[in-house]
Amino acid sequence: MKEINEVKKDLRELKKLTHASRAIESAVETHLARIKTLKNLPSSERISTLISKEEELLKSLNTLGKIEDAQLLENKYMEAIMSLDPTDKTIALNTYINGVPYWKTGIELGFSEEGVRKRITKIIKKIALSL
């Protein structure tokens, strides 16, 4: 059995990595669109410099690192999360992985915010026991 606090810490980290991966994906799309637009403009030294800067920004984004880190944690916990009953699985995925506020998850499932909070404590214990 894993320590409950360790499970909470890992799941919070997974949420951060998932959010970071989504933000990086969005940034990559933005920079690729800028490069495409710049390449469609008449060629000049200034345009070449701007394209180079955009390409350097793309290289500096640690896309693969964040995705790999998230996959390691996800692999560690997904089997345990997927074995939960459907309601608990939804609560775990929404609140811990996707960062949906407790009150929104509660509305979706017909629980109060406090009900989701109490249930998530039990869910974390179930996950810890299954590891």
N, C-alpha and C. Protein backbone atom coordinates (compact mmCIF):
# COMPACT_ATOMS: atom_id res chain seq x y z
N MET A 1 0.85 -1.19 0.00
CA MET A 1 0.00 0.00 0.00
C MET A 1 0.89 1.24 0.00
N LYS A 2 0.52 2.16 -0.81
CA LYS A 2 1.23 3.44 -0.86
C LYS A 2 0.67 4.38 0.20
N GLU A 3 1.48 5.31 0.61
CA GLU A 3 1.03 6.33 1.55
C GLU A 3 0.03 7.25 0.85
N ILE A 4 -1.02 7.61 1.53
CA ILE A 4 -2.07 8.45 0.96
C ILE A 4 -1.51 9.80 0.53
N ASN A 5 -0.65 10.39 1.35
CA ASN A 5 -0.08 11.70 0.99
C ASN A 5 0.78 11.61 -0.27
N GLU A 6 1.45 10.48 -0.45
CA GLU A 6 2.26 10.29 -1.65
C GLU A 6 1.37 10.20 -2.89
N VAL A 7 0.25 9.50 -2.77
CA VAL A 7 -0.71 9.39 -3.87
C VAL A 7 -1.25 10.78 -4.22
N LYS A 8 -1.64 11.54 -3.19
CA LYS A 8 -2.15 12.90 -3.43
C LYS A 8 -1.10 13.75 -4.14
N LYS A 9 0.12 13.67 -3.67
CA LYS A 9 1.21 14.46 -4.26
C LYS A 9 1.41 14.07 -5.72
N ASP A 10 1.45 12.77 -6.00
CA ASP A 10 1.64 12.30 -7.37
C ASP A 10 0.49 12.74 -8.28
N LEU A 11 -0.74 12.64 -7.79
CA LEU A 11 -1.88 13.03 -8.61
C LEU A 11 -1.91 14.54 -8.85
N ARG A 12 -1.49 15.33 -7.86
CA ARG A 12 -1.39 16.78 -8.07
C ARG A 12 -0.32 17.08 -9.12
N GLU A 13 0.78 16.36 -9.05
CA GLU A 13 1.85 16.54 -10.03
C GLU A 13 1.37 16.14 -11.43
N LEU A 14 0.59 15.08 -11.51
CA LEU A 14 0.04 14.66 -12.80
C LEU A 14 -0.87 15.74 -13.37
N LYS A 15 -1.65 16.37 -12.49
CA LYS A 15 -2.52 17.47 -12.95
C LYS A 15 -1.67 18.61 -13.50
N LYS A 16 -0.60 18.97 -12.81
CA LYS A 16 0.27 20.04 -13.27
C LYS A 16 0.90 19.70 -14.61
N LEU A 17 1.37 18.47 -14.74
CA LEU A 17 2.01 18.05 -15.99
C LEU A 17 1.01 18.02 -17.14
N THR A 18 -0.21 17.57 -16.85
CA THR A 18 -1.25 17.54 -17.88
C THR A 18 -1.56 18.96 -18.34
N HIS A 19 -1.69 19.87 -17.38
CA HIS A 19 -1.95 21.28 -17.72
C HIS A 19 -0.77 21.87 -18.51
N ALA A 20 0.45 21.59 -18.08
CA ALA A 20 1.63 22.11 -18.77
C ALA A 20 1.71 21.57 -20.19
N SER A 21 1.39 20.29 -20.36
CA SER A 21 1.42 19.69 -21.71
C SER A 21 0.42 20.38 -22.62
N ARG A 22 -0.77 20.66 -22.10
CA ARG A 22 -1.79 21.35 -22.91
C ARG A 22 -1.34 22.76 -23.25
N ALA A 23 -0.74 23.45 -22.30
CA ALA A 23 -0.27 24.81 -22.55
C ALA A 23 0.86 24.81 -23.58
N ILE A 24 1.75 23.84 -23.49
CA ILE A 24 2.85 23.75 -24.45
C ILE A 24 2.31 23.45 -25.84
N GLU A 25 1.34 22.53 -25.94
CA GLU A 25 0.73 22.22 -27.23
C GLU A 25 0.13 23.47 -27.86
N SER A 26 -0.55 24.26 -27.07
CA SER A 26 -1.14 25.50 -27.55
C SER A 26 -0.06 26.47 -28.03
N ALA A 27 1.02 26.59 -27.27
CA ALA A 27 2.12 27.47 -27.64
C ALA A 27 2.78 27.01 -28.94
N VAL A 28 2.96 25.71 -29.08
CA VAL A 28 3.55 25.17 -30.31
C VAL A 28 2.68 25.53 -31.51
N GLU A 29 1.37 25.33 -31.38
CA GLU A 29 0.45 25.68 -32.47
C GLU A 29 0.56 27.15 -32.84
N THR A 30 0.63 28.01 -31.84
CA THR A 30 0.74 29.46 -32.06
C THR A 30 2.03 29.79 -32.81
N HIS A 31 3.14 29.24 -32.36
CA HIS A 31 4.43 29.54 -32.99
C HIS A 31 4.50 28.98 -34.41
N LEU A 32 3.93 27.80 -34.63
CA LEU A 32 3.90 27.24 -35.98
C LEU A 32 3.06 28.10 -36.92
N ALA A 33 1.94 28.61 -36.40
CA ALA A 33 1.09 29.50 -37.21
C ALA A 33 1.84 30.79 -37.54
N ARG A 34 2.59 31.33 -36.58
CA ARG A 34 3.36 32.55 -36.84
C ARG A 34 4.42 32.30 -37.92
N ILE A 35 5.10 31.16 -37.80
CA ILE A 35 6.13 30.82 -38.79
C ILE A 35 5.51 30.71 -40.17
N LYS A 36 4.37 30.05 -40.26
CA LYS A 36 3.68 29.89 -41.55
C LYS A 36 3.32 31.25 -42.13
N THR A 37 2.81 32.13 -41.30
CA THR A 37 2.45 33.49 -41.75
C THR A 37 3.69 34.24 -42.22
N LEU A 38 4.76 34.16 -41.44
CA LEU A 38 6.00 34.86 -41.80
C LEU A 38 6.57 34.34 -43.11
N LYS A 39 6.47 33.04 -43.32
CA LYS A 39 7.01 32.46 -44.56
C LYS A 39 6.20 32.87 -45.79
N ASN A 40 4.97 33.27 -45.57
CA ASN A 40 4.13 33.73 -46.69
C ASN A 40 4.37 35.19 -47.05
N LEU A 41 5.12 35.90 -46.20
CA LEU A 41 5.44 37.31 -46.46
C LEU A 41 6.64 37.39 -47.41
N PRO A 42 6.79 38.52 -48.08
CA PRO A 42 7.96 38.69 -48.94
C PRO A 42 9.25 38.55 -48.11
N SER A 43 10.19 37.82 -48.64
CA SER A 43 11.43 37.53 -47.93
C SER A 43 12.25 38.79 -47.68
N SER A 44 12.78 38.88 -46.47
CA SER A 44 13.66 39.99 -46.10
C SER A 44 14.51 39.52 -44.92
N GLU A 45 15.51 40.31 -44.58
CA GLU A 45 16.35 39.95 -43.45
C GLU A 45 15.55 39.96 -42.15
N ARG A 46 14.68 40.94 -42.02
CA ARG A 46 13.84 41.05 -40.81
C ARG A 46 12.93 39.83 -40.68
N ILE A 47 12.32 39.41 -41.77
CA ILE A 47 11.43 38.24 -41.75
C ILE A 47 12.23 36.99 -41.38
N SER A 48 13.41 36.84 -41.96
CA SER A 48 14.26 35.69 -41.65
C SER A 48 14.63 35.66 -40.17
N THR A 49 14.92 36.84 -39.62
CA THR A 49 15.25 36.93 -38.19
C THR A 49 14.06 36.53 -37.33
N LEU A 50 12.88 37.01 -37.69
CA LEU A 50 11.68 36.66 -36.93
C LEU A 50 11.38 35.16 -37.01
N ILE A 51 11.57 34.58 -38.18
CA ILE A 51 11.36 33.14 -38.33
C ILE A 51 12.35 32.38 -37.46
N SER A 52 13.60 32.80 -37.46
CA SER A 52 14.62 32.15 -36.63
C SER A 52 14.27 32.23 -35.15
N LYS A 53 13.78 33.39 -34.72
CA LYS A 53 13.40 33.56 -33.31
C LYS A 53 12.24 32.62 -32.96
N GLU A 54 11.27 32.53 -33.85
CA GLU A 54 10.13 31.64 -33.60
C GLU A 54 10.59 30.18 -33.53
N GLU A 55 11.49 29.79 -34.42
CA GLU A 55 12.00 28.43 -34.42
C GLU A 55 12.81 28.13 -33.15
N GLU A 56 13.54 29.11 -32.67
CA GLU A 56 14.28 28.94 -31.41
C GLU A 56 13.33 28.78 -30.23
N LEU A 57 12.25 29.56 -30.24
CA LEU A 57 11.25 29.41 -29.17
C LEU A 57 10.66 28.01 -29.19
N LEU A 58 10.37 27.50 -30.38
CA LEU A 58 9.82 26.15 -30.48
C LEU A 58 10.79 25.12 -29.91
N LYS A 59 12.07 25.28 -30.20
CA LYS A 59 13.08 24.34 -29.69
C LYS A 59 13.18 24.40 -28.17
N SER A 60 12.95 25.58 -27.60
CA SER A 60 13.11 25.75 -26.15
C SER A 60 11.96 25.15 -25.35
N LEU A 61 10.84 24.91 -26.01
CA LEU A 61 9.71 24.30 -25.30
C LEU A 61 10.02 22.83 -25.04
N ASN A 62 9.91 22.43 -23.80
CA ASN A 62 10.23 21.06 -23.42
C ASN A 62 9.01 20.17 -23.57
N THR A 63 8.50 20.08 -24.77
CA THR A 63 7.28 19.33 -25.03
C THR A 63 7.42 17.86 -24.65
N LEU A 64 8.44 17.22 -25.18
CA LEU A 64 8.60 15.79 -24.93
C LEU A 64 8.86 15.48 -23.47
N GLY A 65 9.63 16.32 -22.80
CA GLY A 65 9.92 16.09 -21.39
C GLY A 65 8.67 16.08 -20.53
N LYS A 66 7.81 17.07 -20.75
CA LYS A 66 6.57 17.15 -19.96
C LYS A 66 5.65 15.97 -20.26
N ILE A 67 5.57 15.62 -21.55
CA ILE A 67 4.70 14.50 -21.94
C ILE A 67 5.22 13.19 -21.34
N GLU A 68 6.53 12.98 -21.40
CA GLU A 68 7.11 11.76 -20.83
C GLU A 68 6.89 11.69 -19.32
N ASP A 69 7.09 12.80 -18.63
CA ASP A 69 6.87 12.83 -17.18
C ASP A 69 5.41 12.51 -16.85
N ALA A 70 4.49 13.09 -17.61
CA ALA A 70 3.07 12.85 -17.39
C ALA A 70 2.73 11.38 -17.66
N GLN A 71 3.31 10.82 -18.71
CA GLN A 71 3.02 9.42 -19.03
C GLN A 71 3.50 8.48 -17.94
N LEU A 72 4.66 8.76 -17.36
CA LEU A 72 5.16 7.91 -16.28
C LEU A 72 4.19 7.89 -15.10
N LEU A 73 3.75 9.07 -14.69
CA LEU A 73 2.81 9.13 -13.57
C LEU A 73 1.46 8.54 -13.96
N GLU A 74 1.03 8.83 -15.18
CA GLU A 74 -0.26 8.31 -15.65
C GLU A 74 -0.25 6.79 -15.65
N ASN A 75 0.82 6.20 -16.17
CA ASN A 75 0.93 4.74 -16.20
C ASN A 75 0.87 4.16 -14.79
N LYS A 76 1.46 4.87 -13.86
CA LYS A 76 1.52 4.41 -12.47
C LYS A 76 0.12 4.36 -11.83
N TYR A 77 -0.75 5.30 -12.21
CA TYR A 77 -2.03 5.45 -11.52
C TYR A 77 -3.27 5.09 -12.34
N MET A 78 -3.17 5.06 -13.66
CA MET A 78 -4.37 4.88 -14.47
C MET A 78 -5.06 3.55 -14.25
N GLU A 79 -4.31 2.49 -14.08
CA GLU A 79 -4.95 1.19 -13.85
C GLU A 79 -5.78 1.23 -12.58
N ALA A 80 -5.25 1.83 -11.54
CA ALA A 80 -5.99 1.94 -10.28
C ALA A 80 -7.22 2.82 -10.45
N ILE A 81 -7.08 3.93 -11.16
CA ILE A 81 -8.21 4.84 -11.37
C ILE A 81 -9.28 4.17 -12.23
N MET A 82 -8.86 3.46 -13.27
CA MET A 82 -9.82 2.83 -14.17
C MET A 82 -10.58 1.67 -13.50
N SER A 83 -10.02 1.13 -12.43
CA SER A 83 -10.69 0.03 -11.73
C SER A 83 -11.77 0.53 -10.77
N LEU A 84 -11.83 1.83 -10.56
CA LEU A 84 -12.84 2.42 -9.67
C LEU A 84 -14.23 2.32 -10.31
N ASP A 85 -15.27 2.42 -9.48
CA ASP A 85 -16.61 2.44 -10.06
C ASP A 85 -16.76 3.73 -10.88
N PRO A 86 -17.70 3.78 -11.82
CA PRO A 86 -17.79 4.91 -12.75
C PRO A 86 -17.85 6.29 -12.10
N THR A 87 -18.60 6.42 -11.02
CA THR A 87 -18.71 7.72 -10.36
C THR A 87 -17.38 8.13 -9.74
N ASP A 88 -16.74 7.21 -9.04
CA ASP A 88 -15.44 7.51 -8.43
C ASP A 88 -14.39 7.81 -9.50
N LYS A 89 -14.44 7.07 -10.59
CA LYS A 89 -13.50 7.29 -11.69
C LYS A 89 -13.68 8.69 -12.26
N THR A 90 -14.92 9.10 -12.46
CA THR A 90 -15.20 10.44 -12.97
C THR A 90 -14.68 11.50 -12.01
N ILE A 91 -14.93 11.32 -10.73
CA ILE A 91 -14.46 12.27 -9.73
C ILE A 91 -12.94 12.36 -9.74
N ALA A 92 -12.26 11.21 -9.76
CA ALA A 92 -10.79 11.20 -9.75
C ALA A 92 -10.24 11.87 -11.01
N LEU A 93 -10.77 11.52 -12.16
CA LEU A 93 -10.27 12.09 -13.41
C LEU A 93 -10.56 13.59 -13.50
N ASN A 94 -11.78 13.96 -13.15
CA ASN A 94 -12.15 15.38 -13.24
C ASN A 94 -11.35 16.24 -12.28
N THR A 95 -11.34 15.86 -11.01
CA THR A 95 -10.74 16.75 -10.01
C THR A 95 -9.22 16.68 -9.98
N TYR A 96 -8.65 15.49 -10.12
CA TYR A 96 -7.20 15.39 -10.00
C TYR A 96 -6.48 15.53 -11.33
N ILE A 97 -6.96 14.89 -12.37
CA ILE A 97 -6.24 14.90 -13.63
C ILE A 97 -6.59 16.14 -14.45
N ASN A 98 -7.87 16.44 -14.56
CA ASN A 98 -8.30 17.54 -15.43
C ASN A 98 -8.46 18.87 -14.71
N GLY A 99 -8.37 18.87 -13.39
CA GLY A 99 -8.42 20.12 -12.64
C GLY A 99 -9.79 20.78 -12.57
N VAL A 100 -10.84 20.00 -12.77
CA VAL A 100 -12.19 20.55 -12.67
C VAL A 100 -12.49 20.81 -11.19
N PRO A 101 -13.01 21.99 -10.85
CA PRO A 101 -13.32 22.27 -9.44
C PRO A 101 -14.33 21.28 -8.86
N TYR A 102 -14.22 21.04 -7.58
CA TYR A 102 -15.12 20.10 -6.91
C TYR A 102 -16.58 20.45 -7.14
N TRP A 103 -16.90 21.74 -7.05
CA TRP A 103 -18.31 22.13 -7.18
C TRP A 103 -18.85 21.80 -8.57
N LYS A 104 -18.02 21.95 -9.62
CA LYS A 104 -18.48 21.63 -10.97
C LYS A 104 -18.68 20.14 -11.14
N THR A 105 -17.76 19.36 -10.61
CA THR A 105 -17.90 17.91 -10.66
C THR A 105 -19.14 17.49 -9.88
N GLY A 106 -19.37 18.14 -8.74
CA GLY A 106 -20.56 17.85 -7.94
C GLY A 106 -21.84 18.11 -8.71
N ILE A 107 -21.91 19.23 -9.39
CA ILE A 107 -23.11 19.55 -10.18
C ILE A 107 -23.32 18.50 -11.26
N GLU A 108 -22.24 18.14 -11.93
CA GLU A 108 -22.32 17.14 -13.01
C GLU A 108 -22.85 15.80 -12.51
N LEU A 109 -22.46 15.43 -11.29
CA LEU A 109 -22.81 14.11 -10.76
C LEU A 109 -23.96 14.13 -9.75
N GLY A 110 -24.45 15.30 -9.43
CA GLY A 110 -25.54 15.39 -8.47
C GLY A 110 -25.10 15.34 -7.02
N PHE A 111 -23.88 15.80 -6.74
CA PHE A 111 -23.34 15.87 -5.39
C PHE A 111 -23.10 17.32 -5.02
N SER A 112 -22.98 17.57 -3.73
CA SER A 112 -22.54 18.90 -3.28
C SER A 112 -21.02 18.94 -3.39
N GLU A 113 -20.47 20.14 -3.30
CA GLU A 113 -19.01 20.28 -3.30
C GLU A 113 -18.41 19.50 -2.14
N GLU A 114 -19.04 19.61 -0.98
CA GLU A 114 -18.56 18.89 0.21
C GLU A 114 -18.65 17.38 0.00
N GLY A 115 -19.70 16.94 -0.67
CA GLY A 115 -19.84 15.51 -0.96
C GLY A 115 -18.70 14.99 -1.84
N VAL A 116 -18.31 15.79 -2.82
CA VAL A 116 -17.19 15.42 -3.68
C VAL A 116 -15.90 15.39 -2.87
N ARG A 117 -15.71 16.38 -2.00
CA ARG A 117 -14.51 16.42 -1.16
C ARG A 117 -14.40 15.16 -0.28
N LYS A 118 -15.51 14.78 0.33
CA LYS A 118 -15.49 13.59 1.19
C LYS A 118 -15.23 12.33 0.35
N ARG A 119 -15.84 12.31 -0.82
CA ARG A 119 -15.69 11.12 -1.67
C ARG A 119 -14.25 11.02 -2.20
N ILE A 120 -13.64 12.14 -2.53
CA ILE A 120 -12.28 12.10 -3.08
C ILE A 120 -11.31 11.55 -2.04
N THR A 121 -11.55 11.82 -0.76
CA THR A 121 -10.70 11.27 0.30
C THR A 121 -10.78 9.75 0.29
N LYS A 122 -11.98 9.21 0.13
CA LYS A 122 -12.16 7.76 0.07
C LYS A 122 -11.54 7.18 -1.20
N ILE A 123 -11.66 7.91 -2.28
CA ILE A 123 -11.10 7.46 -3.57
C ILE A 123 -9.59 7.36 -3.48
N ILE A 124 -8.96 8.36 -2.87
CA ILE A 124 -7.50 8.35 -2.73
C ILE A 124 -7.07 7.14 -1.90
N LYS A 125 -7.82 6.82 -0.86
CA LYS A 125 -7.51 5.64 -0.05
C LYS A 125 -7.62 4.37 -0.89
N LYS A 126 -8.66 4.28 -1.72
CA LYS A 126 -8.83 3.11 -2.59
C LYS A 126 -7.65 2.98 -3.56
N ILE A 127 -7.25 4.10 -4.12
CA ILE A 127 -6.12 4.09 -5.06
C ILE A 127 -4.85 3.64 -4.33
N ALA A 128 -4.62 4.20 -3.16
CA ALA A 128 -3.42 3.85 -2.39
C ALA A 128 -3.41 2.34 -2.04
N LEU A 129 -4.56 1.80 -1.70
CA LEU A 129 -4.65 0.38 -1.37
C LEU A 129 -4.38 -0.52 -2.57
N SER A 130 -4.74 -0.03 -3.76
CA SER A 130 -4.58 -0.88 -4.94
C SER A 130 -3.18 -0.84 -5.53
N LEU A 131 -2.32 0.05 -5.01
CA LEU A 131 -0.95 0.14 -5.55
C LEU A 131 0.02 -0.71 -4.77
